[in-house]
Amino acid sequence: MVVSDAEPKAAPAHGDAPVTPAPTAPGAEPPLSVIEPGTRALPDLRELWRYRELLFFLALRDVKIRYKQTVFGVGWAVAQPLATMGVFALFLGRIAGVGAGVEHYPLFVFAGMVAWAFFSNTVTSAANSVVANERLITKVYFPRLAIPLSTVGVGLFDLVIASLLLAAMAAWFGAAPAWSVLVLPLVVLALAVSAAGVGVLLSALIVAQRDFRFVLGFGVQLWMFATPSLYVPAEALGPRAQALLPLNPAHGLVAAFRQAALGGPFDWYAFAVSAAVGTAVAVAGLAYFRRTERSFADTI
């Protein structure tokens, strides 16, 4: 952030934070400070770190609002994966016979749905977050990126609750985790980066054009069915599909989450490709957000 003063100014802080001008003599005109957009292609992480408390309280606010005045409270964090597991287990597992070669198919589906619920809810919340905080954006300065990134905290809260139920189900079915459970934090990090990157990109696009809000609704639903690792074992996919499907970041990361949580062979190829694609999308989303955030207050 560049600051221009009519009077001598204080040394600018790092990043885009507003600069406090030096005190003036009594009765003198205060110096004029002009806040201008910086020239960085990507957001300043040092500035975002200085606002880490704001990031935390935005996430805490969203968690409280989400479950305020609800009968089931945090039980809604597991309602979506449980309901989807029931539908898939009944229609795909029993009627269509997709889960014929899968041991404990309901557990197989639920593990994938826990990861998918975190991914999809984070994308949806982050995409709508900037427009939802219109009044906050137009009244005070802070790193705008803090708003979509705070939604990751809400998703992680739901993920922890759903993972507790997943652990209980795994113990019930007798599925013991293997050494791959050590990779679980890395898989969750890759899921968070990918989901936040897509959400940040969509949040900037929605500010510019509200049509993307309607695209988001059915786009996430189509994305779920375009992620076969949710309901089909990798062995049922052909070699060509196994090579190309990890280009969908959700596919490889959902499969990696299940493999890390429940044990079994870990597909490093699918995880690496999906994580790389998700990271690339995140970088592109951050760059676009950085380029357009200077006009948010006028456009929103």
C-alpha atoms as a PDB file:
ATOM      1  CA  MET A   1       0.000   0.000   0.000  1.00  0.00           C
ATOM      2  CA  VAL A   2       1.407   3.406  -1.009  1.00  0.00           C
ATOM      3  CA  VAL A   3       0.666   6.433   1.166  1.00  0.00           C
ATOM      4  CA  SER A   4       1.060  10.023  -0.028  1.00  0.00           C
ATOM      5  CA  ASP A   5       0.981  12.870   2.520  1.00  0.00           C
ATOM      6  CA  ALA A   6       0.966  16.591   2.116  1.00  0.00           C
ATOM      7  CA  GLU A   7       3.293  16.735   5.144  1.00  0.00           C
ATOM      8  CA  PRO A   8       6.252  14.488   5.934  1.00  0.00           C
ATOM      9  CA  LYS A   9       4.898  11.040   6.690  1.00  0.00           C
ATOM     10  CA  ALA A  10       5.845   8.203   8.964  1.00  0.00           C
ATOM     11  CA  ALA A  11       7.696   5.217   7.587  1.00  0.00           C
ATOM     12  CA  PRO A  12       5.208   2.861   5.924  1.00  0.00           C
ATOM     13  CA  ALA A  13       4.477  -0.474   7.484  1.00  0.00           C
ATOM     14  CA  HIS A  14       4.904  -3.744   5.626  1.00  0.00           C
ATOM     15  CA  GLY A  15       2.256  -4.752   3.109  1.00  0.00           C
ATOM     16  CA  ASP A  16      -0.930  -2.837   2.534  1.00  0.00           C
ATOM     17  CA  ALA A  17      -1.741  -1.677   6.080  1.00  0.00           C
ATOM     18  CA  PRO A  18      -2.651   2.011   6.397  1.00  0.00           C
ATOM     19  CA  VAL A  19       0.157   4.202   7.719  1.00  0.00           C
ATOM     20  CA  THR A  20      -0.394   6.437  10.752  1.00  0.00           C
ATOM     21  CA  PRO A  21       0.994   9.916   9.984  1.00  0.00           C
ATOM     22  CA  ALA A  22       3.209  11.753  12.458  1.00  0.00           C
ATOM     23  CA  PRO A  23       1.399  13.973  15.002  1.00  0.00           C
ATOM     24  CA  THR A  24       0.884  17.584  13.998  1.00  0.00           C
ATOM     25  CA  ALA A  25       1.190  20.774  15.982  1.00  0.00           C
ATOM     26  CA  PRO A  26      -1.963  22.089  17.735  1.00  0.00           C
ATOM     27  CA  GLY A  27      -4.168  24.014  15.336  1.00  0.00           C
ATOM     28  CA  ALA A  28      -2.315  22.821  12.249  1.00  0.00           C
ATOM     29  CA  GLU A  29      -4.017  21.008   9.406  1.00  0.00           C
ATOM     30  CA  PRO A  30      -3.583  17.231   9.724  1.00  0.00           C
ATOM     31  CA  PRO A  31      -1.594  15.683   6.880  1.00  0.00           C
ATOM     32  CA  LEU A  32      -3.569  14.156   4.040  1.00  0.00           C
ATOM     33  CA  SER A  33      -3.050  10.391   3.795  1.00  0.00           C
ATOM     34  CA  VAL A  34      -3.973   8.691   0.539  1.00  0.00           C
ATOM     35  CA  ILE A  35      -4.340   4.895   0.601  1.00  0.00           C
ATOM     36  CA  GLU A  36      -3.512   3.414  -2.785  1.00  0.00           C
ATOM     37  CA  PRO A  37      -3.403  -0.204  -3.952  1.00  0.00           C
ATOM     38  CA  GLY A  38      -0.064  -1.921  -3.815  1.00  0.00           C
ATOM     39  CA  THR A  39       1.708  -3.537  -6.729  1.00  0.00           C
ATOM     40  CA  ARG A  40       2.077  -7.077  -5.424  1.00  0.00           C
ATOM     41  CA  ALA A  41       0.715  -9.811  -7.688  1.00  0.00           C
ATOM     42  CA  LEU A  42      -0.190 -11.974  -4.666  1.00  0.00           C
ATOM     43  CA  PRO A  43      -1.534 -10.983  -1.238  1.00  0.00           C
ATOM     44  CA  ASP A  44       0.969  -9.933   1.408  1.00  0.00           C
ATOM     45  CA  LEU A  45       1.112 -12.817   3.875  1.00  0.00           C
ATOM     46  CA  ARG A  46       2.895 -10.658   6.462  1.00  0.00           C
ATOM     47  CA  GLU A  47      -0.013  -8.257   6.522  1.00  0.00           C
ATOM     48  CA  LEU A  48      -2.460 -11.145   6.781  1.00  0.00           C
ATOM     49  CA  TRP A  49      -0.460 -12.488   9.736  1.00  0.00           C
ATOM     50  CA  ARG A  50      -0.751  -9.122  11.508  1.00  0.00           C
ATOM     51  CA  TYR A  51      -4.531  -9.478  11.202  1.00  0.00           C
ATOM     52  CA  ARG A  52      -4.552 -13.081  12.456  1.00  0.00           C
ATOM     53  CA  GLU A  53      -6.750 -12.175  15.418  1.00  0.00           C
ATOM     54  CA  LEU A  54      -9.352 -10.743  13.063  1.00  0.00           C
ATOM     55  CA  LEU A  55      -9.181 -13.960  11.044  1.00  0.00           C
ATOM     56  CA  PHE A  56      -9.775 -15.997  14.196  1.00  0.00           C
ATOM     57  CA  PHE A  57     -12.720 -13.912  15.396  1.00  0.00           C
ATOM     58  CA  LEU A  58     -14.350 -13.933  11.961  1.00  0.00           C
ATOM     59  CA  ALA A  59     -14.200 -17.738  11.980  1.00  0.00           C
ATOM     60  CA  LEU A  60     -15.503 -17.854  15.569  1.00  0.00           C
ATOM     61  CA  ARG A  61     -18.351 -15.520  14.639  1.00  0.00           C
ATOM     62  CA  ASP A  62     -19.334 -17.726  11.704  1.00  0.00           C
ATOM     63  CA  VAL A  63     -19.325 -20.857  13.873  1.00  0.00           C
ATOM     64  CA  LYS A  64     -21.587 -19.199  16.456  1.00  0.00           C
ATOM     65  CA  ILE A  65     -23.960 -17.836  13.835  1.00  0.00           C
ATOM     66  CA  ARG A  66     -24.146 -21.169  12.040  1.00  0.00           C
ATOM     67  CA  TYR A  67     -25.401 -23.110  15.044  1.00  0.00           C
ATOM     68  CA  LYS A  68     -27.240 -20.345  16.875  1.00  0.00           C
ATOM     69  CA  GLN A  69     -30.846 -21.164  17.782  1.00  0.00           C
ATOM     70  CA  THR A  70     -30.679 -24.685  16.339  1.00  0.00           C
ATOM     71  CA  VAL A  71     -32.159 -27.735  18.022  1.00  0.00           C
ATOM     72  CA  PHE A  72     -29.466 -30.217  16.966  1.00  0.00           C
ATOM     73  CA  GLY A  73     -26.557 -27.771  17.217  1.00  0.00           C
ATOM     74  CA  VAL A  74     -23.281 -29.280  15.998  1.00  0.00           C
ATOM     75  CA  GLY A  75     -25.227 -32.388  15.008  1.00  0.00           C
ATOM     76  CA  TRP A  76     -25.844 -30.649  11.703  1.00  0.00           C
ATOM     77  CA  ALA A  77     -22.119 -31.028  10.995  1.00  0.00           C
ATOM     78  CA  VAL A  78     -22.700 -34.744  10.426  1.00  0.00           C
ATOM     79  CA  ALA A  79     -26.206 -34.540   8.973  1.00  0.00           C
ATOM     80  CA  GLN A  80     -25.058 -33.950   5.381  1.00  0.00           C
ATOM     81  CA  PRO A  81     -22.497 -36.799   5.147  1.00  0.00           C
ATOM     82  CA  LEU A  82     -24.825 -39.173   7.006  1.00  0.00           C
ATOM     83  CA  ALA A  83     -27.805 -38.448   4.761  1.00  0.00           C
ATOM     84  CA  THR A  84     -25.736 -38.765   1.591  1.00  0.00           C
ATOM     85  CA  MET A  85     -24.183 -41.982   2.877  1.00  0.00           C
ATOM     86  CA  GLY A  86     -27.656 -43.437   3.379  1.00  0.00           C
ATOM     87  CA  VAL A  87     -28.746 -42.542  -0.159  1.00  0.00           C
ATOM     88  CA  PHE A  88     -25.569 -43.861  -1.793  1.00  0.00           C
ATOM     89  CA  ALA A  89     -25.490 -47.028   0.304  1.00  0.00           C
ATOM     90  CA  LEU A  90     -29.089 -47.841  -0.580  1.00  0.00           C
ATOM     91  CA  PHE A  91     -29.299 -46.922  -4.265  1.00  0.00           C
ATOM     92  CA  LEU A  92     -25.715 -47.416  -5.403  1.00  0.00           C
ATOM     93  CA  GLY A  93     -24.560 -50.030  -2.931  1.00  0.00           C
ATOM     94  CA  ARG A  94     -27.542 -52.368  -2.861  1.00  0.00           C
ATOM     95  CA  ILE A  95     -29.710 -51.597  -5.877  1.00  0.00           C
ATOM     96  CA  ALA A  96     -27.025 -50.734  -8.439  1.00  0.00           C
ATOM     97  CA  GLY A  97     -24.469 -53.113  -6.938  1.00  0.00           C
ATOM     98  CA  VAL A  98     -21.622 -50.573  -7.033  1.00  0.00           C
ATOM     99  CA  GLY A  99     -20.396 -51.572  -3.591  1.00  0.00           C
ATOM    100  CA  ALA A 100     -20.392 -55.314  -4.308  1.00  0.00           C
ATOM    101  CA  GLY A 101     -16.635 -55.674  -3.903  1.00  0.00           C
ATOM    102  CA  VAL A 102     -16.235 -53.143  -1.083  1.00  0.00           C
ATOM    103  CA  GLU A 103     -16.068 -54.276   2.514  1.00  0.00           C
ATOM    104  CA  HIS A 104     -18.257 -52.076   4.733  1.00  0.00           C
ATOM    105  CA  TYR A 105     -19.572 -49.946   1.870  1.00  0.00           C
ATOM    106  CA  PRO A 106     -21.488 -47.511   4.150  1.00  0.00           C
ATOM    107  CA  LEU A 107     -18.243 -46.751   5.997  1.00  0.00           C
ATOM    108  CA  PHE A 108     -16.467 -46.383   2.652  1.00  0.00           C
ATOM    109  CA  VAL A 109     -19.003 -43.791   1.497  1.00  0.00           C
ATOM    110  CA  PHE A 110     -19.188 -41.946   4.813  1.00  0.00           C
ATOM    111  CA  ALA A 111     -15.411 -41.473   4.964  1.00  0.00           C
ATOM    112  CA  GLY A 112     -15.470 -39.928   1.497  1.00  0.00           C
ATOM    113  CA  MET A 113     -18.470 -37.757   2.337  1.00  0.00           C
ATOM    114  CA  VAL A 114     -16.754 -36.348   5.429  1.00  0.00           C
ATOM    115  CA  ALA A 115     -13.934 -35.049   3.244  1.00  0.00           C
ATOM    116  CA  TRP A 116     -16.329 -33.890   0.515  1.00  0.00           C
ATOM    117  CA  ALA A 117     -18.558 -32.032   2.996  1.00  0.00           C
ATOM    118  CA  PHE A 118     -15.521 -30.107   4.244  1.00  0.00           C
ATOM    119  CA  PHE A 119     -14.419 -29.324   0.700  1.00  0.00           C
ATOM    120  CA  SER A 120     -17.811 -28.328  -0.719  1.00  0.00           C
ATOM    121  CA  ASN A 121     -18.979 -26.347   2.322  1.00  0.00           C
ATOM    122  CA  THR A 122     -15.728 -24.387   2.393  1.00  0.00           C
ATOM    123  CA  VAL A 123     -15.995 -23.589  -1.314  1.00  0.00           C
ATOM    124  CA  THR A 124     -19.618 -22.469  -0.984  1.00  0.00           C
ATOM    125  CA  SER A 125     -19.089 -20.406   2.172  1.00  0.00           C
ATOM    126  CA  ALA A 126     -15.927 -18.731   0.892  1.00  0.00           C
ATOM    127  CA  ALA A 127     -17.525 -17.934  -2.464  1.00  0.00           C
ATOM    128  CA  ASN A 128     -20.450 -16.086  -0.823  1.00  0.00           C
ATOM    129  CA  SER A 129     -18.473 -14.543   2.035  1.00  0.00           C
ATOM    130  CA  VAL A 130     -17.390 -11.263   0.441  1.00  0.00           C
ATOM    131  CA  VAL A 131     -20.886 -10.315  -0.727  1.00  0.00           C
ATOM    132  CA  ALA A 132     -22.325 -11.390   2.639  1.00  0.00           C
ATOM    133  CA  ASN A 133     -19.936  -9.000   4.438  1.00  0.00           C
ATOM    134  CA  GLU A 134     -20.736  -5.999   2.238  1.00  0.00           C
ATOM    135  CA  ARG A 135     -21.181  -3.545   5.114  1.00  0.00           C
ATOM    136  CA  LEU A 136     -17.931  -4.555   6.770  1.00  0.00           C
ATOM    137  CA  ILE A 137     -15.956  -4.151   3.541  1.00  0.00           C
ATOM    138  CA  THR A 138     -17.337  -0.691   2.736  1.00  0.00           C
ATOM    139  CA  LYS A 139     -16.742   0.777   6.206  1.00  0.00           C
ATOM    140  CA  VAL A 140     -13.281  -0.212   7.429  1.00  0.00           C
ATOM    141  CA  TYR A 141      -9.911  -1.247   6.023  1.00  0.00           C
ATOM    142  CA  PHE A 142      -8.480  -4.718   6.632  1.00  0.00           C
ATOM    143  CA  PRO A 143      -7.081  -7.421   4.337  1.00  0.00           C
ATOM    144  CA  ARG A 144     -10.118  -8.503   2.336  1.00  0.00           C
ATOM    145  CA  LEU A 145      -8.658 -11.975   1.994  1.00  0.00           C
ATOM    146  CA  ALA A 146      -9.371 -12.550   5.690  1.00  0.00           C
ATOM    147  CA  ILE A 147     -13.094 -12.893   4.943  1.00  0.00           C
ATOM    148  CA  PRO A 148     -13.032 -15.912   2.589  1.00  0.00           C
ATOM    149  CA  LEU A 149     -10.147 -17.532   4.476  1.00  0.00           C
ATOM    150  CA  SER A 150     -12.068 -17.378   7.754  1.00  0.00           C
ATOM    151  CA  THR A 151     -14.602 -19.843   6.329  1.00  0.00           C
ATOM    152  CA  VAL A 152     -11.911 -22.531   6.409  1.00  0.00           C
ATOM    153  CA  GLY A 153     -12.101 -22.398  10.194  1.00  0.00           C
ATOM    154  CA  VAL A 154     -15.817 -23.203  10.109  1.00  0.00           C
ATOM    155  CA  GLY A 155     -15.165 -26.120   7.765  1.00  0.00           C
ATOM    156  CA  LEU A 156     -12.414 -27.462  10.021  1.00  0.00           C
ATOM    157  CA  PHE A 157     -14.748 -27.278  13.011  1.00  0.00           C
ATOM    158  CA  ASP A 158     -17.337 -29.366  11.156  1.00  0.00           C
ATOM    159  CA  LEU A 159     -14.621 -31.733   9.954  1.00  0.00           C
ATOM    160  CA  VAL A 160     -13.477 -32.459  13.513  1.00  0.00           C
ATOM    161  CA  ILE A 161     -17.051 -33.228  14.619  1.00  0.00           C
ATOM    162  CA  ALA A 162     -17.685 -35.498  11.617  1.00  0.00           C
ATOM    163  CA  SER A 163     -14.311 -37.214  12.064  1.00  0.00           C
ATOM    164  CA  LEU A 164     -15.252 -38.204  15.604  1.00  0.00           C
ATOM    165  CA  LEU A 165     -18.308 -39.984  14.247  1.00  0.00           C
ATOM    166  CA  LEU A 166     -16.152 -41.531  11.511  1.00  0.00           C
ATOM    167  CA  ALA A 167     -13.762 -42.890  14.145  1.00  0.00           C
ATOM    168  CA  ALA A 168     -16.690 -44.376  16.066  1.00  0.00           C
ATOM    169  CA  MET A 169     -18.070 -46.002  12.907  1.00  0.00           C
ATOM    170  CA  ALA A 170     -14.641 -47.384  12.012  1.00  0.00           C
ATOM    171  CA  ALA A 171     -14.353 -48.942  15.473  1.00  0.00           C
ATOM    172  CA  TRP A 172     -17.847 -50.415  15.113  1.00  0.00           C
ATOM    173  CA  PHE A 173     -17.006 -52.038  11.773  1.00  0.00           C
ATOM    174  CA  GLY A 174     -13.587 -53.156  13.047  1.00  0.00           C
ATOM    175  CA  ALA A 175     -11.580 -51.054  10.585  1.00  0.00           C
ATOM    176  CA  ALA A 176      -8.253 -50.228  12.230  1.00  0.00           C
ATOM    177  CA  PRO A 177      -6.159 -47.350  10.815  1.00  0.00           C
ATOM    178  CA  ALA A 178      -2.735 -48.138   9.381  1.00  0.00           C
ATOM    179  CA  TRP A 179       0.478 -46.111   9.196  1.00  0.00           C
ATOM    180  CA  SER A 180      -1.186 -43.918   6.563  1.00  0.00           C
ATOM    181  CA  VAL A 181      -3.089 -42.127   9.331  1.00  0.00           C
ATOM    182  CA  LEU A 182       0.118 -40.119   9.824  1.00  0.00           C
ATOM    183  CA  VAL A 183      -0.494 -38.524   6.411  1.00  0.00           C
ATOM    184  CA  LEU A 184      -3.972 -37.338   7.445  1.00  0.00           C
ATOM    185  CA  PRO A 185      -2.900 -33.802   8.534  1.00  0.00           C
ATOM    186  CA  LEU A 186      -1.165 -33.317   5.177  1.00  0.00           C
ATOM    187  CA  VAL A 187      -4.295 -34.479   3.328  1.00  0.00           C
ATOM    188  CA  VAL A 188      -6.501 -32.098   5.337  1.00  0.00           C
ATOM    189  CA  LEU A 189      -4.086 -29.254   4.584  1.00  0.00           C
ATOM    190  CA  ALA A 190      -4.265 -30.020   0.850  1.00  0.00           C
ATOM    191  CA  LEU A 191      -8.075 -30.133   1.049  1.00  0.00           C
ATOM    192  CA  ALA A 192      -8.142 -26.771   2.843  1.00  0.00           C
ATOM    193  CA  VAL A 193      -5.785 -25.119   0.347  1.00  0.00           C
ATOM    194  CA  SER A 194      -7.736 -26.414  -2.653  1.00  0.00           C
ATOM    195  CA  ALA A 195     -11.154 -25.513  -1.240  1.00  0.00           C
ATOM    196  CA  ALA A 196     -10.005 -22.071  -0.094  1.00  0.00           C
ATOM    197  CA  GLY A 197      -8.410 -21.406  -3.482  1.00  0.00           C
ATOM    198  CA  VAL A 198     -11.587 -22.228  -5.389  1.00  0.00           C
ATOM    199  CA  GLY A 199     -13.674 -20.258  -2.891  1.00  0.00           C
ATOM    200  CA  VAL A 200     -11.426 -17.185  -3.049  1.00  0.00           C
ATOM    201  CA  LEU A 201     -11.560 -17.193  -6.836  1.00  0.00           C
ATOM    202  CA  LEU A 202     -15.348 -17.519  -6.868  1.00  0.00           C
ATOM    203  CA  SER A 203     -15.783 -14.827  -4.209  1.00  0.00           C
ATOM    204  CA  ALA A 204     -14.061 -12.283  -6.451  1.00  0.00           C
ATOM    205  CA  LEU A 205     -16.040 -13.444  -9.487  1.00  0.00           C
ATOM    206  CA  ILE A 206     -19.341 -13.162  -7.602  1.00  0.00           C
ATOM    207  CA  VAL A 207     -18.554  -9.571  -6.603  1.00  0.00           C
ATOM    208  CA  ALA A 208     -18.006  -8.720 -10.261  1.00  0.00           C
ATOM    209  CA  GLN A 209     -20.915 -10.746 -11.617  1.00  0.00           C
ATOM    210  CA  ARG A 210     -23.740 -12.115  -9.464  1.00  0.00           C
ATOM    211  CA  ASP A 211     -24.546 -14.803 -12.036  1.00  0.00           C
ATOM    212  CA  PHE A 212     -21.782 -16.896 -10.528  1.00  0.00           C
ATOM    213  CA  ARG A 213     -23.900 -17.342  -7.382  1.00  0.00           C
ATOM    214  CA  PHE A 214     -26.396 -19.356  -9.411  1.00  0.00           C
ATOM    215  CA  VAL A 215     -23.641 -21.292 -11.158  1.00  0.00           C
ATOM    216  CA  LEU A 216     -22.167 -22.145  -7.758  1.00  0.00           C
ATOM    217  CA  GLY A 217     -25.321 -23.893  -6.541  1.00  0.00           C
ATOM    218  CA  PHE A 218     -25.643 -26.577  -9.199  1.00  0.00           C
ATOM    219  CA  GLY A 219     -21.936 -26.519 -10.003  1.00  0.00           C
ATOM    220  CA  VAL A 220     -21.061 -27.992  -6.603  1.00  0.00           C
ATOM    221  CA  GLN A 221     -23.715 -30.689  -7.052  1.00  0.00           C
ATOM    222  CA  LEU A 222     -22.328 -31.641 -10.464  1.00  0.00           C
ATOM    223  CA  TRP A 223     -18.822 -31.624  -9.012  1.00  0.00           C
ATOM    224  CA  MET A 224     -19.883 -34.194  -6.421  1.00  0.00           C
ATOM    225  CA  PHE A 225     -21.032 -36.654  -9.089  1.00  0.00           C
ATOM    226  CA  ALA A 226     -17.887 -35.883 -11.104  1.00  0.00           C
ATOM    227  CA  THR A 227     -15.863 -37.146  -8.115  1.00  0.00           C
ATOM    228  CA  PRO A 228     -16.303 -40.934  -8.363  1.00  0.00           C
ATOM    229  CA  SER A 229     -13.946 -41.623  -5.466  1.00  0.00           C
ATOM    230  CA  LEU A 230     -16.907 -40.767  -3.233  1.00  0.00           C
ATOM    231  CA  TYR A 231     -18.881 -43.840  -4.197  1.00  0.00           C
ATOM    232  CA  VAL A 232     -16.718 -46.052  -6.463  1.00  0.00           C
ATOM    233  CA  PRO A 233     -13.550 -47.890  -5.383  1.00  0.00           C
ATOM    234  CA  ALA A 234     -10.428 -47.155  -7.381  1.00  0.00           C
ATOM    235  CA  GLU A 235     -10.231 -50.782  -8.519  1.00  0.00           C
ATOM    236  CA  ALA A 236     -13.493 -50.348 -10.440  1.00  0.00           C
ATOM    237  CA  LEU A 237     -12.019 -47.534 -12.544  1.00  0.00           C
ATOM    238  CA  GLY A 238     -10.001 -48.251 -15.643  1.00  0.00           C
ATOM    239  CA  PRO A 239      -6.324 -47.303 -16.011  1.00  0.00           C
ATOM    240  CA  ARG A 240      -7.165 -44.276 -18.166  1.00  0.00           C
ATOM    241  CA  ALA A 241      -9.703 -42.996 -15.637  1.00  0.00           C
ATOM    242  CA  GLN A 242      -7.246 -43.503 -12.778  1.00  0.00           C
ATOM    243  CA  ALA A 243      -4.681 -41.441 -14.677  1.00  0.00           C
ATOM    244  CA  LEU A 244      -6.986 -38.524 -15.600  1.00  0.00           C
ATOM    245  CA  LEU A 245      -9.441 -38.250 -12.706  1.00  0.00           C
ATOM    246  CA  PRO A 246      -6.845 -36.841 -10.236  1.00  0.00           C
ATOM    247  CA  LEU A 247      -6.894 -33.674 -12.367  1.00  0.00           C
ATOM    248  CA  ASN A 248     -10.084 -33.070 -10.406  1.00  0.00           C
ATOM    249  CA  PRO A 249      -8.509 -32.048  -7.063  1.00  0.00           C
ATOM    250  CA  ALA A 250     -11.470 -33.307  -5.061  1.00  0.00           C
ATOM    251  CA  HIS A 251     -11.127 -36.822  -6.499  1.00  0.00           C
ATOM    252  CA  GLY A 252      -7.598 -37.569  -5.357  1.00  0.00           C
ATOM    253  CA  LEU A 253      -7.871 -35.710  -2.055  1.00  0.00           C
ATOM    254  CA  VAL A 254     -11.137 -37.386  -1.034  1.00  0.00           C
ATOM    255  CA  ALA A 255      -9.641 -40.800  -1.823  1.00  0.00           C
ATOM    256  CA  ALA A 256      -6.484 -39.899   0.104  1.00  0.00           C
ATOM    257  CA  PHE A 257      -8.538 -38.809   3.132  1.00  0.00           C
ATOM    258  CA  ARG A 258     -10.375 -42.147   3.171  1.00  0.00           C
ATOM    259  CA  GLN A 259      -7.187 -44.157   2.714  1.00  0.00           C
ATOM    260  CA  ALA A 260      -5.433 -42.219   5.478  1.00  0.00           C
ATOM    261  CA  ALA A 261      -8.358 -42.487   7.890  1.00  0.00           C
ATOM    262  CA  LEU A 262      -9.345 -46.120   7.305  1.00  0.00           C
ATOM    263  CA  GLY A 263      -6.083 -47.670   6.165  1.00  0.00           C
ATOM    264  CA  GLY A 264      -5.382 -49.525   2.969  1.00  0.00           C
ATOM    265  CA  PRO A 265      -3.032 -48.849   0.038  1.00  0.00           C
ATOM    266  CA  PHE A 266      -2.276 -45.147  -0.320  1.00  0.00           C
ATOM    267  CA  ASP A 267      -2.456 -43.794  -3.889  1.00  0.00           C
ATOM    268  CA  TRP A 268       0.444 -41.349  -3.941  1.00  0.00           C
ATOM    269  CA  TYR A 269      -0.032 -40.544  -7.614  1.00  0.00           C
ATOM    270  CA  ALA A 270      -3.644 -39.438  -7.229  1.00  0.00           C
ATOM    271  CA  PHE A 271      -2.832 -37.478  -4.085  1.00  0.00           C
ATOM    272  CA  ALA A 272       0.178 -35.700  -5.603  1.00  0.00           C
ATOM    273  CA  VAL A 273      -1.614 -34.739  -8.835  1.00  0.00           C
ATOM    274  CA  SER A 274      -4.770 -33.541  -7.075  1.00  0.00           C
ATOM    275  CA  ALA A 275      -2.764 -31.589  -4.499  1.00  0.00           C
ATOM    276  CA  ALA A 276      -0.708 -29.943  -7.253  1.00  0.00           C
ATOM    277  CA  VAL A 277      -3.806 -28.986  -9.243  1.00  0.00           C
ATOM    278  CA  GLY A 278      -5.499 -27.665  -6.102  1.00  0.00           C
ATOM    279  CA  THR A 279      -2.445 -25.582  -5.222  1.00  0.00           C
ATOM    280  CA  ALA A 280      -2.286 -24.164  -8.759  1.00  0.00           C
ATOM    281  CA  VAL A 281      -5.960 -23.184  -8.569  1.00  0.00           C
ATOM    282  CA  ALA A 282      -5.320 -21.567  -5.174  1.00  0.00           C
ATOM    283  CA  VAL A 283      -2.449 -19.469  -6.558  1.00  0.00           C
ATOM    284  CA  ALA A 284      -4.572 -18.381  -9.526  1.00  0.00           C
ATOM    285  CA  GLY A 285      -7.477 -17.546  -7.206  1.00  0.00           C
ATOM    286  CA  LEU A 286      -5.264 -15.481  -4.902  1.00  0.00           C
ATOM    287  CA  ALA A 287      -3.775 -13.587  -7.846  1.00  0.00           C
ATOM    288  CA  TYR A 288      -7.209 -12.752  -9.286  1.00  0.00           C
ATOM    289  CA  PHE A 289      -8.550 -11.780  -5.864  1.00  0.00           C
ATOM    290  CA  ARG A 290      -5.551  -9.508  -5.317  1.00  0.00           C
ATOM    291  CA  ARG A 291      -6.052  -7.825  -8.675  1.00  0.00           C
ATOM    292  CA  THR A 292      -9.753  -7.146  -8.174  1.00  0.00           C
ATOM    293  CA  GLU A 293     -10.059  -6.470  -4.426  1.00  0.00           C
ATOM    294  CA  ARG A 294      -9.204  -2.781  -4.871  1.00  0.00           C
ATOM    295  CA  SER A 295     -12.594  -2.273  -6.519  1.00  0.00           C
ATOM    296  CA  PHE A 296     -14.692  -4.347  -4.075  1.00  0.00           C
ATOM    297  CA  ALA A 297     -15.958  -1.350  -2.088  1.00  0.00           C
ATOM    298  CA  ASP A 298     -17.210   0.352  -5.284  1.00  0.00           C
ATOM    299  CA  THR A 299     -18.593  -2.752  -6.999  1.00  0.00           C
ATOM    300  CA  ILE A 300     -20.189  -4.619  -4.156  1.00  0.00           C
END
